[in-house]
C-alpha atoms as a PDB file:
ATOM      1  CA  MET A   1       9.828 -11.815 -61.767  1.00  0.00           C
ATOM      2  CA  ARG A   2      11.789 -15.247 -61.328  1.00  0.00           C
ATOM      3  CA  ALA A   3      10.068 -14.741 -57.554  1.00  0.00           C
ATOM      4  CA  LEU A   4       7.246 -16.135 -59.665  1.00  0.00           C
ATOM      5  CA  ARG A   5       9.245 -19.778 -60.378  1.00  0.00           C
ATOM      6  CA  PRO A   6       9.049 -22.731 -57.445  1.00  0.00           C
ATOM      7  CA  GLY A   7      11.163 -24.924 -59.646  1.00  0.00           C
ATOM      8  CA  THR A   8       9.297 -25.729 -62.571  1.00  0.00           C
ATOM      9  CA  ASP A   9       8.427 -24.429 -66.037  1.00  0.00           C
ATOM     10  CA  ALA A  10       5.109 -25.903 -65.887  1.00  0.00           C
ATOM     11  CA  GLN A  11       3.971 -23.075 -64.023  1.00  0.00           C
ATOM     12  CA  VAL A  12       4.384 -20.745 -67.255  1.00  0.00           C
ATOM     13  CA  GLY A  13       0.809 -21.763 -68.402  1.00  0.00           C
ATOM     14  CA  VAL A  14      -1.170 -21.028 -65.635  1.00  0.00           C
ATOM     15  CA  LEU A  15       0.514 -17.664 -65.091  1.00  0.00           C
ATOM     16  CA  VAL A  16      -0.237 -16.751 -68.714  1.00  0.00           C
ATOM     17  CA  ASP A  17      -4.053 -17.786 -67.955  1.00  0.00           C
ATOM     18  CA  ALA A  18      -4.175 -15.667 -64.841  1.00  0.00           C
ATOM     19  CA  PHE A  19      -2.304 -12.447 -66.510  1.00  0.00           C
ATOM     20  CA  VAL A  20      -5.102 -12.636 -68.906  1.00  0.00           C
ATOM     21  CA  ALA A  21      -7.864 -13.274 -67.126  1.00  0.00           C
ATOM     22  CA  PHE A  22      -7.028 -10.026 -65.195  1.00  0.00           C
ATOM     23  CA  ALA A  23      -6.225  -8.069 -67.730  1.00  0.00           C
ATOM     24  CA  MET A  24      -9.450  -8.914 -69.236  1.00  0.00           C
ATOM     25  CA  LEU A  25     -11.645  -7.840 -66.224  1.00  0.00           C
ATOM     26  CA  ASP A  26     -12.713  -5.217 -68.513  1.00  0.00           C
ATOM     27  CA  GLY A  27     -14.026  -7.834 -71.197  1.00  0.00           C
ATOM     28  CA  GLU A  28     -11.050  -7.324 -73.597  1.00  0.00           C
ATOM     29  CA  LEU A  29      -7.232  -7.646 -74.176  1.00  0.00           C
ATOM     30  CA  ASN A  30      -5.364  -4.431 -75.351  1.00  0.00           C
ATOM     31  CA  PRO A  31      -2.305  -4.183 -76.991  1.00  0.00           C
ATOM     32  CA  VAL A  32      -0.704  -2.315 -74.030  1.00  0.00           C
ATOM     33  CA  GLU A  33      -1.838  -5.234 -71.705  1.00  0.00           C
ATOM     34  CA  ALA A  34      -0.525  -8.044 -74.066  1.00  0.00           C
ATOM     35  CA  ASP A  35       2.536  -6.239 -74.273  1.00  0.00           C
ATOM     36  CA  LEU A  36       3.065  -5.527 -70.394  1.00  0.00           C
ATOM     37  CA  ILE A  37       2.116  -9.680 -70.459  1.00  0.00           C
ATOM     38  CA  LEU A  38       4.871 -10.966 -72.699  1.00  0.00           C
ATOM     39  CA  ASP A  39       6.886  -8.756 -71.290  1.00  0.00           C
ATOM     40  CA  MET A  40       6.636 -10.335 -67.791  1.00  0.00           C
ATOM     41  CA  LEU A  41       6.714 -13.636 -68.733  1.00  0.00           C
ATOM     42  CA  ARG A  42       9.757 -13.556 -70.901  1.00  0.00           C
ATOM     43  CA  SER A  43      11.429 -11.934 -68.264  1.00  0.00           C
ATOM     44  CA  ALA A  44      10.664 -14.528 -65.689  1.00  0.00           C
ATOM     45  CA  PHE A  45      11.016 -17.314 -68.325  1.00  0.00           C
ATOM     46  CA  PRO A  46      13.779 -16.623 -71.120  1.00  0.00           C
ATOM     47  CA  GLU A  47      14.299 -20.249 -72.166  1.00  0.00           C
ATOM     48  CA  VAL A  48      10.767 -20.878 -72.756  1.00  0.00           C
ATOM     49  CA  ASP A  49       9.505 -20.254 -76.370  1.00  0.00           C
ATOM     50  CA  HIS A  50       8.138 -17.256 -77.383  1.00  0.00           C
ATOM     51  CA  GLY A  51       5.660 -18.174 -79.979  1.00  0.00           C
ATOM     52  CA  TRP A  52       4.564 -20.727 -77.549  1.00  0.00           C
ATOM     53  CA  MET A  53       3.795 -18.116 -74.858  1.00  0.00           C
ATOM     54  CA  GLY A  54       1.894 -15.883 -77.910  1.00  0.00           C
ATOM     55  CA  ARG A  55      -0.259 -18.789 -78.490  1.00  0.00           C
ATOM     56  CA  ARG A  56      -1.044 -19.673 -75.141  1.00  0.00           C
ATOM     57  CA  MET A  57      -1.890 -16.170 -74.435  1.00  0.00           C
ATOM     58  CA  GLN A  58      -4.465 -16.321 -77.480  1.00  0.00           C
ATOM     59  CA  ARG A  59      -6.170 -19.358 -76.023  1.00  0.00           C
ATOM     60  CA  ALA A  60      -6.348 -17.953 -72.652  1.00  0.00           C
ATOM     61  CA  VAL A  61      -8.469 -15.332 -74.514  1.00  0.00           C
ATOM     62  CA  ARG A  62     -10.658 -17.400 -76.193  1.00  0.00           C
ATOM     63  CA  ASN A  63     -11.318 -19.286 -73.477  1.00  0.00           C
ATOM     64  CA  PRO A  64     -10.628 -17.726 -70.167  1.00  0.00           C
ATOM     65  CA  ARG A  65     -10.214 -19.288 -67.239  1.00  0.00           C
ATOM     66  CA  PRO A  66     -12.663 -18.941 -63.730  1.00  0.00           C
ATOM     67  CA  LEU A  67      -9.925 -16.408 -61.162  1.00  0.00           C
ATOM     68  CA  GLN A  68     -10.941 -19.099 -58.429  1.00  0.00           C
ATOM     69  CA  SER A  69      -9.681 -22.343 -59.612  1.00  0.00           C
ATOM     70  CA  LEU A  70      -6.369 -20.357 -60.802  1.00  0.00           C
ATOM     71  CA  ALA A  71      -6.005 -19.114 -57.409  1.00  0.00           C
ATOM     72  CA  ALA A  72      -6.787 -22.277 -56.019  1.00  0.00           C
ATOM     73  CA  GLU A  73      -4.072 -24.013 -57.999  1.00  0.00           C
ATOM     74  CA  LEU A  74      -1.443 -21.213 -57.622  1.00  0.00           C
ATOM     75  CA  LYS A  75      -1.944 -21.516 -53.719  1.00  0.00           C
ATOM     76  CA  THR A  76      -1.012 -25.099 -53.723  1.00  0.00           C
ATOM     77  CA  ASN A  77       2.201 -24.690 -55.775  1.00  0.00           C
ATOM     78  CA  TYR A  78       3.458 -20.939 -54.531  1.00  0.00           C
ATOM     79  CA  GLY A  79       5.157 -19.987 -51.543  1.00  0.00           C
ATOM     80  CA  ASP A  80       4.472 -16.445 -49.452  1.00  0.00           C
ATOM     81  CA  PRO A  81       7.293 -15.186 -51.338  1.00  0.00           C
ATOM     82  CA  GLU A  82       6.062 -16.015 -54.732  1.00  0.00           C
ATOM     83  CA  LYS A  83       2.344 -14.661 -53.913  1.00  0.00           C
ATOM     84  CA  LEU A  84       3.599 -11.396 -52.655  1.00  0.00           C
ATOM     85  CA  ALA A  85       6.106 -11.016 -56.367  1.00  0.00           C
ATOM     86  CA  LEU A  86       2.547 -12.433 -57.796  1.00  0.00           C
ATOM     87  CA  GLY A  87       0.127  -9.890 -56.350  1.00  0.00           C
ATOM     88  CA  LEU A  88       2.357  -6.795 -57.115  1.00  0.00           C
ATOM     89  CA  GLN A  89       2.271  -7.953 -60.733  1.00  0.00           C
ATOM     90  CA  LEU A  90      -1.284  -9.034 -61.219  1.00  0.00           C
ATOM     91  CA  PHE A  91      -2.112  -5.332 -59.880  1.00  0.00           C
ATOM     92  CA  THR A  92      -0.085  -3.535 -62.876  1.00  0.00           C
ATOM     93  CA  LEU A  93      -2.617  -5.617 -65.183  1.00  0.00           C
ATOM     94  CA  VAL A  94      -5.616  -4.626 -62.754  1.00  0.00           C
ATOM     95  CA  ASP A  95      -4.620  -1.120 -63.055  1.00  0.00           C
ATOM     96  CA  ALA A  96      -3.868  -1.406 -66.795  1.00  0.00           C
ATOM     97  CA  ALA A  97      -7.406  -2.819 -67.568  1.00  0.00           C
ATOM     98  CA  GLY A  98      -8.879  -0.031 -65.588  1.00  0.00           C
ATOM     99  CA  ARG A  99      -8.963   1.303 -62.137  1.00  0.00           C
ATOM    100  CA  SER A 100     -12.677   0.655 -61.372  1.00  0.00           C
ATOM    101  CA  GLU A 101     -13.787  -0.461 -57.577  1.00  0.00           C
ATOM    102  CA  ARG A 102     -14.769  -3.904 -59.467  1.00  0.00           C
ATOM    103  CA  ASN A 103     -11.249  -4.911 -60.590  1.00  0.00           C
ATOM    104  CA  ARG A 104      -9.722  -3.966 -57.132  1.00  0.00           C
ATOM    105  CA  ALA A 105     -12.706  -5.790 -55.746  1.00  0.00           C
ATOM    106  CA  SER A 106     -11.713  -8.793 -58.124  1.00  0.00           C
ATOM    107  CA  PHE A 107      -7.890  -8.786 -57.043  1.00  0.00           C
ATOM    108  CA  GLU A 108      -8.628  -8.841 -53.561  1.00  0.00           C
ATOM    109  CA  VAL A 109     -10.922 -11.754 -53.446  1.00  0.00           C
ATOM    110  CA  PHE A 110      -8.380 -13.414 -55.815  1.00  0.00           C
ATOM    111  CA  MET A 111      -5.796 -12.768 -52.913  1.00  0.00           C
ATOM    112  CA  ARG A 112      -8.013 -14.158 -50.501  1.00  0.00           C
ATOM    113  CA  ARG A 113      -8.289 -17.312 -52.561  1.00  0.00           C
ATOM    114  CA  LEU A 114      -4.541 -17.198 -52.751  1.00  0.00           C
ATOM    115  CA  GLY A 115      -4.358 -17.399 -48.924  1.00  0.00           C
ATOM    116  CA  ARG A 116      -2.781 -14.321 -48.671  1.00  0.00           C
ATOM    117  CA  PRO A 117      -5.245 -11.143 -48.022  1.00  0.00           C
ATOM    118  CA  ASP A 118      -3.342  -9.522 -46.432  1.00  0.00           C
ATOM    119  CA  TYR A 119      -0.642  -9.160 -49.323  1.00  0.00           C
ATOM    120  CA  GLY A 120      -3.818  -8.025 -51.502  1.00  0.00           C
ATOM    121  CA  THR A 121      -4.860  -5.504 -48.907  1.00  0.00           C
ATOM    122  CA  ALA A 122      -1.398  -3.765 -48.422  1.00  0.00           C
ATOM    123  CA  ILE A 123      -0.801  -3.566 -52.093  1.00  0.00           C
ATOM    124  CA  LEU A 124      -4.018  -1.764 -52.864  1.00  0.00           C
ATOM    125  CA  ARG A 125      -3.040   0.362 -49.526  1.00  0.00           C
ATOM    126  CA  GLU A 126      -0.216   1.300 -51.478  1.00  0.00           C
ATOM    127  CA  MET A 127      -1.401   2.239 -54.443  1.00  0.00           C
ATOM    128  CA  ARG A 128      -3.977   4.621 -53.172  1.00  0.00           C
ATOM    129  CA  GLY A 129      -1.161   6.213 -51.324  1.00  0.00           C
ATOM    130  CA  ASP A 130      -2.697   5.063 -47.913  1.00  0.00           C
ATOM    131  CA  ALA A 131       0.802   3.953 -46.891  1.00  0.00           C
ATOM    132  CA  ASP A 132       2.601   7.009 -46.598  1.00  0.00           C
ATOM    133  CA  PHE A 133       1.125   8.197 -43.239  1.00  0.00           C
ATOM    134  CA  GLU A 134       2.990   7.617 -40.096  1.00  0.00           C
ATOM    135  CA  ASP A 135       1.003   5.273 -38.304  1.00  0.00           C
ATOM    136  CA  ALA A 136       0.311   2.996 -41.432  1.00  0.00           C
ATOM    137  CA  PRO A 137       1.142  -0.831 -40.980  1.00  0.00           C
ATOM    138  CA  PRO A 138       4.268  -1.775 -42.514  1.00  0.00           C
ATOM    139  CA  LEU A 139       4.116  -3.136 -46.208  1.00  0.00           C
ATOM    140  CA  PRO A 140       5.324  -6.490 -46.862  1.00  0.00           C
ATOM    141  CA  PHE A 141       7.543  -5.448 -49.770  1.00  0.00           C
ATOM    142  CA  GLU A 142      10.377  -3.197 -49.834  1.00  0.00           C
ATOM    143  CA  ARG A 143       9.574   0.287 -51.382  1.00  0.00           C
ATOM    144  CA  LEU A 144      12.014   3.345 -52.141  1.00  0.00           C
ATOM    145  CA  ILE A 145      10.462   6.542 -52.990  1.00  0.00           C
ATOM    146  CA  PHE A 146      12.447   8.910 -55.498  1.00  0.00           C
ATOM    147  CA  GLY A 147      11.253  12.932 -55.459  1.00  0.00           C
ATOM    148  CA  ARG A 148      11.816  15.742 -53.898  1.00  0.00           C
ATOM    149  CA  ASN A 149       9.413  16.384 -51.129  1.00  0.00           C
ATOM    150  CA  ASP A 150       9.405  13.792 -48.262  1.00  0.00           C
ATOM    151  CA  ALA A 151      11.245  11.358 -50.609  1.00  0.00           C
ATOM    152  CA  ASP A 152      13.727   8.916 -49.455  1.00  0.00           C
ATOM    153  CA  VAL A 153      16.047   9.864 -52.311  1.00  0.00           C
ATOM    154  CA  THR A 154      15.981  13.135 -53.543  1.00  0.00           C
ATOM    155  CA  LEU A 155      16.219  13.813 -56.997  1.00  0.00           C
ATOM    156  CA  PRO A 156      18.349  16.262 -58.887  1.00  0.00           C
ATOM    157  CA  PRO A 157      17.078  19.922 -59.622  1.00  0.00           C
ATOM    158  CA  ALA A 158      16.777  18.945 -63.533  1.00  0.00           C
ATOM    159  CA  ALA A 159      14.372  16.203 -62.606  1.00  0.00           C
ATOM    160  CA  ALA A 160      12.145  18.532 -60.169  1.00  0.00           C
ATOM    161  CA  ASP A 161       9.109  16.979 -62.294  1.00  0.00           C
ATOM    162  CA  HIS A 162      10.234  13.365 -61.784  1.00  0.00           C
ATOM    163  CA  GLU A 163       9.022  10.846 -59.125  1.00  0.00           C
ATOM    164  CA  PHE A 164       8.390   7.423 -59.218  1.00  0.00           C
ATOM    165  CA  ARG A 165       8.291   4.544 -56.655  1.00  0.00           C
ATOM    166  CA  VAL A 166      10.519   1.264 -56.439  1.00  0.00           C
ATOM    167  CA  TYR A 167       9.167  -1.888 -55.218  1.00  0.00           C
ATOM    168  CA  ARG A 168      11.307  -4.941 -54.440  1.00  0.00           C
ATOM    169  CA  ALA A 169       9.811  -8.735 -53.623  1.00  0.00           C
ATOM    170  CA  ARG A 170      12.764 -11.098 -53.866  1.00  0.00           C
ATOM    171  CA  ASP A 171      14.374 -10.713 -57.489  1.00  0.00           C
ATOM    172  CA  LEU A 172      11.429  -8.842 -58.555  1.00  0.00           C
ATOM    173  CA  ILE A 173      11.942  -5.057 -58.869  1.00  0.00           C
ATOM    174  CA  LEU A 174       9.088  -2.949 -60.366  1.00  0.00           C
ATOM    175  CA  VAL A 175       9.107   0.887 -61.053  1.00  0.00           C
ATOM    176  CA  ARG A 176       5.748   2.941 -60.707  1.00  0.00           C
ATOM    177  CA  ASN A 177       5.940   6.208 -62.292  1.00  0.00           C
ATOM    178  CA  THR A 178       4.076   8.935 -60.165  1.00  0.00           C
ATOM    179  CA  GLY A 179       5.485  12.293 -61.274  1.00  0.00           C
ATOM    180  CA  SER A 180       4.220  14.466 -63.959  1.00  0.00           C
ATOM    181  CA  ALA A 181       6.759  13.276 -66.674  1.00  0.00           C
ATOM    182  CA  PRO A 182       7.598  10.245 -68.006  1.00  0.00           C
ATOM    183  CA  ILE A 183      10.983   8.403 -67.090  1.00  0.00           C
ATOM    184  CA  TRP A 184      13.081   5.944 -69.228  1.00  0.00           C
ATOM    185  CA  ILE A 185      13.979   2.439 -68.664  1.00  0.00           C
ATOM    186  CA  ARG A 186      15.420   0.432 -71.441  1.00  0.00           C
ATOM    187  CA  GLY A 187      14.432   2.679 -74.278  1.00  0.00           C
ATOM    188  CA  ARG A 188      10.906   2.605 -73.134  1.00  0.00           C
ATOM    189  CA  SER A 189       8.855   5.438 -71.708  1.00  0.00           C
ATOM    190  CA  VAL A 190       7.299   4.887 -68.730  1.00  0.00           C
ATOM    191  CA  GLU A 191       4.341   7.297 -68.569  1.00  0.00           C
ATOM    192  CA  THR A 192       2.310   8.998 -65.398  1.00  0.00           C
ATOM    193  CA  GLY A 193       0.789   6.289 -63.499  1.00  0.00           C
ATOM    194  CA  SER A 194       2.469   3.272 -65.376  1.00  0.00           C
ATOM    195  CA  PHE A 195       4.400   0.457 -63.971  1.00  0.00           C
ATOM    196  CA  LEU A 196       7.427  -1.397 -65.626  1.00  0.00           C
ATOM    197  CA  ARG A 197       9.732  -4.101 -64.343  1.00  0.00           C
ATOM    198  CA  MET A 198      13.682  -2.998 -64.239  1.00  0.00           C
ATOM    199  CA  ARG A 199      15.979  -5.528 -65.702  1.00  0.00           C
ATOM    200  CA  GLU A 200      19.594  -6.512 -65.313  1.00  0.00           C
ATOM    201  CA  ARG A 201      21.678  -3.579 -67.794  1.00  0.00           C
ATOM    202  CA  GLN A 202      18.349  -2.037 -68.634  1.00  0.00           C
ATOM    203  CA  PRO A 203      18.820   1.612 -66.494  1.00  0.00           C
ATOM    204  CA  LEU A 204      15.965   4.204 -65.428  1.00  0.00           C
ATOM    205  CA  VAL A 205      17.221   7.541 -66.579  1.00  0.00           C
ATOM    206  CA  VAL A 206      15.732  10.621 -65.568  1.00  0.00           C
ATOM    207  CA  PRO A 207      17.213  14.147 -66.458  1.00  0.00           C
ATOM    208  CA  GLY A 208      20.743  14.590 -64.547  1.00  0.00           C
ATOM    209  CA  TRP A 209      20.816  10.627 -63.130  1.00  0.00           C
ATOM    210  CA  THR A 210      20.872   7.020 -64.378  1.00  0.00           C
ATOM    211  CA  LEU A 211      19.681   4.559 -61.701  1.00  0.00           C
ATOM    212  CA  SER A 212      20.825   1.085 -62.837  1.00  0.00           C
ATOM    213  CA  HIS A 213      19.305  -2.699 -61.863  1.00  0.00           C
ATOM    214  CA  GLU A 214      22.422  -3.492 -59.681  1.00  0.00           C
ATOM    215  CA  ASP A 215      21.913  -0.347 -57.574  1.00  0.00           C
ATOM    216  CA  LEU A 216      18.768  -1.926 -56.633  1.00  0.00           C
ATOM    217  CA  ALA A 217      19.188  -5.650 -56.697  1.00  0.00           C
ATOM    218  CA  GLY A 218      20.861  -6.705 -53.798  1.00  0.00           C
ATOM    219  CA  GLY A 219      21.574  -5.844 -50.057  1.00  0.00           C
ATOM    220  CA  GLU A 220      19.634  -3.617 -47.924  1.00  0.00           C
ATOM    221  CA  PHE A 221      16.927  -1.572 -49.657  1.00  0.00           C
ATOM    222  CA  ASP A 222      17.031   2.033 -48.801  1.00  0.00           C
ATOM    223  CA  GLY A 223      18.994   5.363 -49.987  1.00  0.00           C
ATOM    224  CA  ARG A 224      22.023   4.989 -48.256  1.00  0.00           C
ATOM    225  CA  HIS A 225      22.874   1.695 -49.924  1.00  0.00           C
ATOM    226  CA  VAL A 226      21.059   2.468 -53.159  1.00  0.00           C
ATOM    227  CA  LEU A 227      24.019   5.399 -53.232  1.00  0.00           C
ATOM    228  CA  GLY A 228      26.410   4.156 -51.355  1.00  0.00           C
ATOM    229  CA  ASP A 229      28.772   3.541 -54.491  1.00  0.00           C
ATOM    230  CA  LEU A 230      28.102   7.176 -55.573  1.00  0.00           C
ATOM    231  CA  VAL A 231      29.081   8.892 -52.929  1.00  0.00           C
ATOM    232  CA  GLN A 232      32.615   7.044 -52.765  1.00  0.00           C
ATOM    233  CA  GLN A 233      33.088   8.200 -56.077  1.00  0.00           C
ATOM    234  CA  GLY A 234      32.167  11.775 -55.313  1.00  0.00           C
ATOM    235  CA  VAL A 235      29.202  12.099 -57.697  1.00  0.00           C
ATOM    236  CA  LEU A 236      26.606  12.605 -54.668  1.00  0.00           C
ATOM    237  CA  GLU A 237      26.564  14.447 -51.095  1.00  0.00           C
ATOM    238  CA  MET A 238      24.678  12.869 -48.357  1.00  0.00           C
ATOM    239  CA  PRO A 239      23.427  14.833 -44.902  1.00  0.00           C
ATOM    240  CA  GLU A 240      24.960  13.646 -41.491  1.00  0.00           C
ATOM    241  CA  HIS A 241      22.789  10.246 -40.720  1.00  0.00           C
ATOM    242  CA  ARG A 242      19.375  10.461 -39.053  1.00  0.00           C
ATOM    243  CA  PRO A 243      16.988   7.940 -37.696  1.00  0.00           C
ATOM    244  CA  ALA A 244      15.712   5.720 -40.296  1.00  0.00           C
ATOM    245  CA  ALA A 245      12.298   6.755 -39.863  1.00  0.00           C
ATOM    246  CA  GLN A 246      13.477  10.414 -41.231  1.00  0.00           C
ATOM    247  CA  MET A 247      16.229   9.263 -43.278  1.00  0.00           C
ATOM    248  CA  ARG A 248      16.146  11.423 -46.061  1.00  0.00           C
ATOM    249  CA  HIS A 249      18.891  11.699 -49.186  1.00  0.00           C
ATOM    250  CA  ARG A 250      19.686  14.259 -51.200  1.00  0.00           C
ATOM    251  CA  ILE A 251      21.348  14.933 -54.276  1.00  0.00           C
ATOM    252  CA  GLU A 252      23.850  17.983 -54.319  1.00  0.00           C
ATOM    253  CA  ARG A 253      25.473  17.265 -57.656  1.00  0.00           C
ATOM    254  CA  CYS A 254      25.789  15.332 -60.249  1.00  0.00           C
ATOM    255  CA  LEU A 255      28.048  13.980 -63.386  1.00  0.00           C
ATOM    256  CA  SER A 256      27.621  16.346 -66.150  1.00  0.00           C
END
């Protein structure tokens, strides 16, 4: 989430205010939402005192700022890459606060006032599943689908109940569990429909396979890049190359 850092930690306060405002769209901040906010901010600003962040969040809960003023401030101080990363993470709070049309409408209005309504539309299209159609417009962020049928990366048989999507915007790597079984990241269970940011040296684990942050962090964001090292090691096998639009990478065998 350091993609949300245009160069000064003075922005931490407005980010706390924005995250709290979205988490409280349903009128309250529950412990799960508070933990999600602190996790994102600590990842982005590890040098900022955690106690200060907690106190700032309490202040934002007591005295919430209007979303329109927050959007105006962030519009001035953030470039497009930062706005895209911000939008992806704000959506996780919109989702945690309740999947209502009112909350999603608030998200769309915020992204419009941020100056990138197209980012908001694309994020909502992906989260609704409308971005999977062949004629859907391209997404402004990178996406990799892990699963069984029609996935970019086919998981091993032991993980038949697992599906997830990974989104990348600059140095932000966000995981969304779309399967029926939980996945594990840094010892935390990510339940169906939930999001979690991947950090360095904290792998994602499904039965029969482990995916590291380093596998996803650099280079081209496709199955061949992500799995290339494992193929070279003889851990995985891939079919012959197919056109990018049809490319599917299947795991034939995994380390025991």
